[in-house]
Amino acid sequence: MEESRQLDSFLWFSIGDFTKAIHFLKLAVKFYLILNYRRMRWKIQRIFLRFREIMNFILKIKNI
């Protein structure tokens, strides 16, 4: 009887640790995204600028 109670408490403990680990992972991902947000935004802006330049170039060729 005592063993099953210990096993139950151990299972609950591991489930609690699992939820804590998931919460910690979510926080870590948020922190990582916040840290890399500036760099990613800069890259995305560069990609959009390049895309706009290509579109303007295509429009110029069409006008000629």
PDB file of N, CA and C in Angstrom:
ATOM      1  N   MET A   1       0.834  -1.202   0.000  1.00  0.00           N
ATOM      2  CA  MET A   1       0.000   0.000   0.000  1.00  0.00           C
ATOM      3  C   MET A   1       0.873   1.259   0.000  1.00  0.00           C
ATOM      4  N   GLU A   2       1.922   1.227   0.812  1.00  0.00           N
ATOM      5  CA  GLU A   2       2.820   2.390   0.896  1.00  0.00           C
ATOM      6  C   GLU A   2       3.546   2.621  -0.429  1.00  0.00           C
ATOM      7  N   GLU A   3       3.907   1.514  -1.103  1.00  0.00           N
ATOM      8  CA  GLU A   3       4.639   1.645  -2.370  1.00  0.00           C
ATOM      9  C   GLU A   3       3.796   2.339  -3.425  1.00  0.00           C
ATOM     10  N   SER A   4       2.513   1.962  -3.535  1.00  0.00           N
ATOM     11  CA  SER A   4       1.652   2.577  -4.548  1.00  0.00           C
ATOM     12  C   SER A   4       1.485   4.070  -4.261  1.00  0.00           C
ATOM     13  N   ARG A   5       1.400   4.436  -2.975  1.00  0.00           N
ATOM     14  CA  ARG A   5       1.266   5.853  -2.633  1.00  0.00           C
ATOM     15  C   ARG A   5       2.530   6.606  -3.042  1.00  0.00           C
ATOM     16  N   GLN A   6       3.698   6.005  -2.785  1.00  0.00           N
ATOM     17  CA  GLN A   6       4.952   6.634  -3.201  1.00  0.00           C
ATOM     18  C   GLN A   6       4.999   6.776  -4.719  1.00  0.00           C
ATOM     19  N   LEU A   7       4.543   5.742  -5.423  1.00  0.00           N
ATOM     20  CA  LEU A   7       4.551   5.786  -6.883  1.00  0.00           C
ATOM     21  C   LEU A   7       3.641   6.898  -7.385  1.00  0.00           C
ATOM     22  N   ASP A   8       2.450   7.025  -6.769  1.00  0.00           N
ATOM     23  CA  ASP A   8       1.532   8.096  -7.169  1.00  0.00           C
ATOM     24  C   ASP A   8       2.169   9.465  -6.955  1.00  0.00           C
ATOM     25  N   SER A   9       2.778   9.657  -5.780  1.00  0.00           N
ATOM     26  CA  SER A   9       3.389  10.959  -5.515  1.00  0.00           C
ATOM     27  C   SER A   9       4.542  11.204  -6.491  1.00  0.00           C
ATOM     28  N   PHE A  10       5.278  10.141  -6.827  1.00  0.00           N
ATOM     29  CA  PHE A  10       6.373  10.294  -7.790  1.00  0.00           C
ATOM     30  C   PHE A  10       5.828  10.674  -9.161  1.00  0.00           C
ATOM     31  N   LEU A  11       4.716  10.037  -9.573  1.00  0.00           N
ATOM     32  CA  LEU A  11       4.115  10.363 -10.868  1.00  0.00           C
ATOM     33  C   LEU A  11       3.646  11.815 -10.884  1.00  0.00           C
ATOM     34  N   TRP A  12       2.994  12.249  -9.808  1.00  0.00           N
ATOM     35  CA  TRP A  12       2.542  13.641  -9.751  1.00  0.00           C
ATOM     36  C   TRP A  12       3.725  14.592  -9.798  1.00  0.00           C
ATOM     37  N   PHE A  13       4.799  14.218  -9.104  1.00  0.00           N
ATOM     38  CA  PHE A  13       5.992  15.066  -9.089  1.00  0.00           C
ATOM     39  C   PHE A  13       6.568  15.191 -10.497  1.00  0.00           C
ATOM     40  N   SER A  14       6.635  14.062 -11.217  1.00  0.00           N
ATOM     41  CA  SER A  14       7.205  14.105 -12.565  1.00  0.00           C
ATOM     42  C   SER A  14       6.302  14.894 -13.507  1.00  0.00           C
ATOM     43  N   ILE A  15       4.973  14.773 -13.328  1.00  0.00           N
ATOM     44  CA  ILE A  15       4.056  15.547 -14.174  1.00  0.00           C
ATOM     45  C   ILE A  15       4.246  17.040 -13.904  1.00  0.00           C
ATOM     46  N   GLY A  16       4.401  17.402 -12.632  1.00  0.00           N
ATOM     47  CA  GLY A  16       4.648  18.804 -12.295  1.00  0.00           C
ATOM     48  C   GLY A  16       5.943  19.298 -12.916  1.00  0.00           C
ATOM     49  N   ASP A  17       7.003  18.477 -12.844  1.00  0.00           N
ATOM     50  CA  ASP A  17       8.270  18.856 -13.467  1.00  0.00           C
ATOM     51  C   ASP A  17       8.104  19.016 -14.967  1.00  0.00           C
ATOM     52  N   PHE A  18       7.307  18.148 -15.585  1.00  0.00           N
ATOM     53  CA  PHE A  18       7.093  18.215 -17.027  1.00  0.00           C
ATOM     54  C   PHE A  18       6.425  19.534 -17.410  1.00  0.00           C
ATOM     55  N   THR A  19       5.383  19.921 -16.657  1.00  0.00           N
ATOM     56  CA  THR A  19       4.711  21.190 -16.967  1.00  0.00           C
ATOM     57  C   THR A  19       5.648  22.364 -16.719  1.00  0.00           C
ATOM     58  N   LYS A  20       6.473  22.275 -15.663  1.00  0.00           N
ATOM     59  CA  LYS A  20       7.452  23.338 -15.415  1.00  0.00           C
ATOM     60  C   LYS A  20       8.437  23.427 -16.570  1.00  0.00           C
ATOM     61  N   ALA A  21       8.869  22.275 -17.071  1.00  0.00           N
ATOM     62  CA  ALA A  21       9.823  22.264 -18.183  1.00  0.00           C
ATOM     63  C   ALA A  21       9.201  22.889 -19.431  1.00  0.00           C
ATOM     64  N   ILE A  22       7.934  22.564 -19.705  1.00  0.00           N
ATOM     65  CA  ILE A  22       7.254  23.147 -20.866  1.00  0.00           C
ATOM     66  C   ILE A  22       7.146  24.659 -20.696  1.00  0.00           C
ATOM     67  N   HIS A  23       6.796  25.111 -19.498  1.00  0.00           N
ATOM     68  CA  HIS A  23       6.685  26.547 -19.232  1.00  0.00           C
ATOM     69  C   HIS A  23       8.037  27.224 -19.442  1.00  0.00           C
ATOM     70  N   PHE A  24       9.113  26.589 -18.940  1.00  0.00           N
ATOM     71  CA  PHE A  24      10.451  27.148 -19.085  1.00  0.00           C
ATOM     72  C   PHE A  24      10.847  27.218 -20.555  1.00  0.00           C
ATOM     73  N   LEU A  25      10.493  26.170 -21.335  1.00  0.00           N
ATOM     74  CA  LEU A  25      10.799  26.182 -22.764  1.00  0.00           C
ATOM     75  C   LEU A  25      10.074  27.323 -23.458  1.00  0.00           C
ATOM     76  N   LYS A  26       8.801  27.543 -23.110  1.00  0.00           N
ATOM     77  CA  LYS A  26       8.055  28.653 -23.714  1.00  0.00           C
ATOM     78  C   LYS A  26       8.736  29.978 -23.402  1.00  0.00           C
ATOM     79  N   LEU A  27       9.149  30.162 -22.143  1.00  0.00           N
ATOM     80  CA  LEU A  27       9.829  31.400 -21.769  1.00  0.00           C
ATOM     81  C   LEU A  27      11.134  31.556 -22.541  1.00  0.00           C
ATOM     82  N   ALA A  28      11.879  30.450 -22.684  1.00  0.00           N
ATOM     83  CA  ALA A  28      13.150  30.513 -23.399  1.00  0.00           C
ATOM     84  C   ALA A  28      12.931  30.893 -24.860  1.00  0.00           C
ATOM     85  N   VAL A  29      11.896  30.321 -25.482  1.00  0.00           N
ATOM     86  CA  VAL A  29      11.609  30.647 -26.884  1.00  0.00           C
ATOM     87  C   VAL A  29      11.227  32.118 -27.015  1.00  0.00           C
ATOM     88  N   LYS A  30      10.389  32.622 -26.091  1.00  0.00           N
ATOM     89  CA  LYS A  30      10.018  34.037 -26.135  1.00  0.00           C
ATOM     90  C   LYS A  30      11.255  34.913 -26.004  1.00  0.00           C
ATOM     91  N   PHE A  31      12.136  34.577 -25.048  1.00  0.00           N
ATOM     92  CA  PHE A  31      13.351  35.362 -24.826  1.00  0.00           C
ATOM     93  C   PHE A  31      14.222  35.358 -26.074  1.00  0.00           C
ATOM     94  N   TYR A  32      14.360  34.166 -26.704  1.00  0.00           N
ATOM     95  CA  TYR A  32      15.173  34.035 -27.916  1.00  0.00           C
ATOM     96  C   TYR A  32      14.598  34.888 -29.037  1.00  0.00           C
ATOM     97  N   LEU A  33      13.263  34.853 -29.205  1.00  0.00           N
ATOM     98  CA  LEU A  33      12.625  35.639 -30.265  1.00  0.00           C
ATOM     99  C   LEU A  33      12.811  37.131 -30.013  1.00  0.00           C
ATOM    100  N   ILE A  34      12.696  37.559 -28.748  1.00  0.00           N
ATOM    101  CA  ILE A  34      12.875  38.979 -28.440  1.00  0.00           C
ATOM    102  C   ILE A  34      14.312  39.390 -28.744  1.00  0.00           C
ATOM    103  N   LEU A  35      15.282  38.534 -28.394  1.00  0.00           N
ATOM    104  CA  LEU A  35      16.679  38.875 -28.651  1.00  0.00           C
ATOM    105  C   LEU A  35      16.968  38.956 -30.146  1.00  0.00           C
ATOM    106  N   ASN A  36      16.413  38.031 -30.927  1.00  0.00           N
ATOM    107  CA  ASN A  36      16.705  37.994 -32.357  1.00  0.00           C
ATOM    108  C   ASN A  36      15.740  38.825 -33.184  1.00  0.00           C
ATOM    109  N   TYR A  37      14.799  39.529 -32.523  1.00  0.00           N
ATOM    110  CA  TYR A  37      13.771  40.260 -33.271  1.00  0.00           C
ATOM    111  C   TYR A  37      14.400  41.348 -34.136  1.00  0.00           C
ATOM    112  N   ARG A  38      15.348  42.105 -33.550  1.00  0.00           N
ATOM    113  CA  ARG A  38      15.950  43.199 -34.311  1.00  0.00           C
ATOM    114  C   ARG A  38      16.678  42.671 -35.529  1.00  0.00           C
ATOM    115  N   ARG A  39      17.483  41.637 -35.328  1.00  0.00           N
ATOM    116  CA  ARG A  39      18.258  41.090 -36.441  1.00  0.00           C
ATOM    117  C   ARG A  39      17.322  40.522 -37.510  1.00  0.00           C
ATOM    118  N   MET A  40      16.288  39.788 -37.069  1.00  0.00           N
ATOM    119  CA  MET A  40      15.353  39.201 -38.031  1.00  0.00           C
ATOM    120  C   MET A  40      14.608  40.302 -38.778  1.00  0.00           C
ATOM    121  N   ARG A  41      14.191  41.343 -38.058  1.00  0.00           N
ATOM    122  CA  ARG A  41      13.468  42.430 -38.714  1.00  0.00           C
ATOM    123  C   ARG A  41      14.357  43.086 -39.766  1.00  0.00           C
ATOM    124  N   TRP A  42      15.648  43.250 -39.449  1.00  0.00           N
ATOM    125  CA  TRP A  42      16.584  43.836 -40.406  1.00  0.00           C
ATOM    126  C   TRP A  42      16.697  42.957 -41.648  1.00  0.00           C
ATOM    127  N   LYS A  43      16.817  41.646 -41.454  1.00  0.00           N
ATOM    128  CA  LYS A  43      16.903  40.727 -42.598  1.00  0.00           C
ATOM    129  C   LYS A  43      15.632  40.774 -43.433  1.00  0.00           C
ATOM    130  N   ILE A  44      14.475  40.773 -42.757  1.00  0.00           N
ATOM    131  CA  ILE A  44      13.205  40.791 -43.489  1.00  0.00           C
ATOM    132  C   ILE A  44      13.067  42.095 -44.266  1.00  0.00           C
ATOM    133  N   GLN A  45      13.465  43.217 -43.650  1.00  0.00           N
ATOM    134  CA  GLN A  45      13.403  44.495 -44.359  1.00  0.00           C
ATOM    135  C   GLN A  45      14.309  44.463 -45.580  1.00  0.00           C
ATOM    136  N   ARG A  46      15.505  43.868 -45.450  1.00  0.00           N
ATOM    137  CA  ARG A  46      16.403  43.783 -46.604  1.00  0.00           C
ATOM    138  C   ARG A  46      15.783  42.952 -47.709  1.00  0.00           C
ATOM    139  N   ILE A  47      15.139  41.830 -47.335  1.00  0.00           N
ATOM    140  CA  ILE A  47      14.501  40.976 -48.346  1.00  0.00           C
ATOM    141  C   ILE A  47      13.390  41.746 -49.047  1.00  0.00           C
ATOM    142  N   PHE A  48      12.574  42.491 -48.275  1.00  0.00           N
ATOM    143  CA  PHE A  48      11.489  43.261 -48.892  1.00  0.00           C
ATOM    144  C   PHE A  48      12.043  44.346 -49.804  1.00  0.00           C
ATOM    145  N   LEU A  49      13.134  45.012 -49.372  1.00  0.00           N
ATOM    146  CA  LEU A  49      13.734  46.038 -50.225  1.00  0.00           C
ATOM    147  C   LEU A  49      14.239  45.428 -51.521  1.00  0.00           C
ATOM    148  N   ARG A  50      14.902  44.280 -51.427  1.00  0.00           N
ATOM    149  CA  ARG A  50      15.397  43.603 -52.627  1.00  0.00           C
ATOM    150  C   ARG A  50      14.235  43.243 -53.541  1.00  0.00           C
ATOM    151  N   PHE A  51      13.147  42.729 -52.959  1.00  0.00           N
ATOM    152  CA  PHE A  51      11.966  42.357 -53.744  1.00  0.00           C
ATOM    153  C   PHE A  51      11.383  43.585 -54.446  1.00  0.00           C
ATOM    154  N   ARG A  52      11.310  44.716 -53.716  1.00  0.00           N
ATOM    155  CA  ARG A  52      10.780  45.933 -54.327  1.00  0.00           C
ATOM    156  C   ARG A  52      11.671  46.412 -55.464  1.00  0.00           C
ATOM    157  N   GLU A  53      12.994  46.323 -55.280  1.00  0.00           N
ATOM    158  CA  GLU A  53      13.909  46.719 -56.351  1.00  0.00           C
ATOM    159  C   GLU A  53      13.695  45.861 -57.584  1.00  0.00           C
ATOM    160  N   ILE A  54      13.538  44.561 -57.382  1.00  0.00           N
ATOM    161  CA  ILE A  54      13.319  43.658 -58.525  1.00  0.00           C
ATOM    162  C   ILE A  54      12.008  44.000 -59.218  1.00  0.00           C
ATOM    163  N   MET A  55      10.949  44.258 -58.435  1.00  0.00           N
ATOM    164  CA  MET A  55       9.661  44.603 -59.045  1.00  0.00           C
ATOM    165  C   MET A  55       9.753  45.912 -59.822  1.00  0.00           C
ATOM    166  N   ASN A  56      10.437  46.913 -59.267  1.00  0.00           N
ATOM    167  CA  ASN A  56      10.612  48.184 -59.988  1.00  0.00           C
ATOM    168  C   ASN A  56      11.395  47.964 -61.273  1.00  0.00           C
ATOM    169  N   PHE A  57      12.419  47.116 -61.216  1.00  0.00           N
ATOM    170  CA  PHE A  57      13.215  46.813 -62.405  1.00  0.00           C
ATOM    171  C   PHE A  57      12.346  46.165 -63.481  1.00  0.00           C
ATOM    172  N   ILE A  58      11.493  45.212 -63.068  1.00  0.00           N
ATOM    173  CA  ILE A  58      10.600  44.542 -64.032  1.00  0.00           C
ATOM    174  C   ILE A  58       9.629  45.556 -64.632  1.00  0.00           C
ATOM    175  N   LEU A  59       9.099  46.464 -63.812  1.00  0.00           N
ATOM    176  CA  LEU A  59       8.173  47.479 -64.328  1.00  0.00           C
ATOM    177  C   LEU A  59       8.880  48.406 -65.308  1.00  0.00           C
ATOM    178  N   LYS A  60      10.130  48.766 -65.024  1.00  0.00           N
ATOM    179  CA  LYS A  60      10.889  49.614 -65.949  1.00  0.00           C
ATOM    180  C   LYS A  60      11.079  48.899 -67.276  1.00  0.00           C
ATOM    181  N   ILE A  61      11.409  47.615 -67.225  1.00  0.00           N
ATOM    182  CA  ILE A  61      11.603  46.849 -68.464  1.00  0.00           C
ATOM    183  C   ILE A  61      10.296  46.799 -69.248  1.00  0.00           C
ATOM    184  N   LYS A  62       9.177  46.618 -68.552  1.00  0.00           N
ATOM    185  CA  LYS A  62       7.881  46.575 -69.245  1.00  0.00           C
ATOM    186  C   LYS A  62       7.571  47.920 -69.895  1.00  0.00           C
ATOM    187  N   ASN A  63       7.907  49.016 -69.217  1.00  0.00           N
ATOM    188  CA  ASN A  63       7.630  50.342 -69.769  1.00  0.00           C
ATOM    189  C   ASN A  63       8.476  50.614 -71.001  1.00  0.00           C
ATOM    190  N   ILE A  64       9.679  50.062 -71.052  1.00  0.00           N
ATOM    191  CA  ILE A  64      10.534  50.238 -72.238  1.00  0.00           C
ATOM    192  C   ILE A  64      10.025  49.304 -73.307  1.00  0.00           C
TER     193      ILE A  64
END
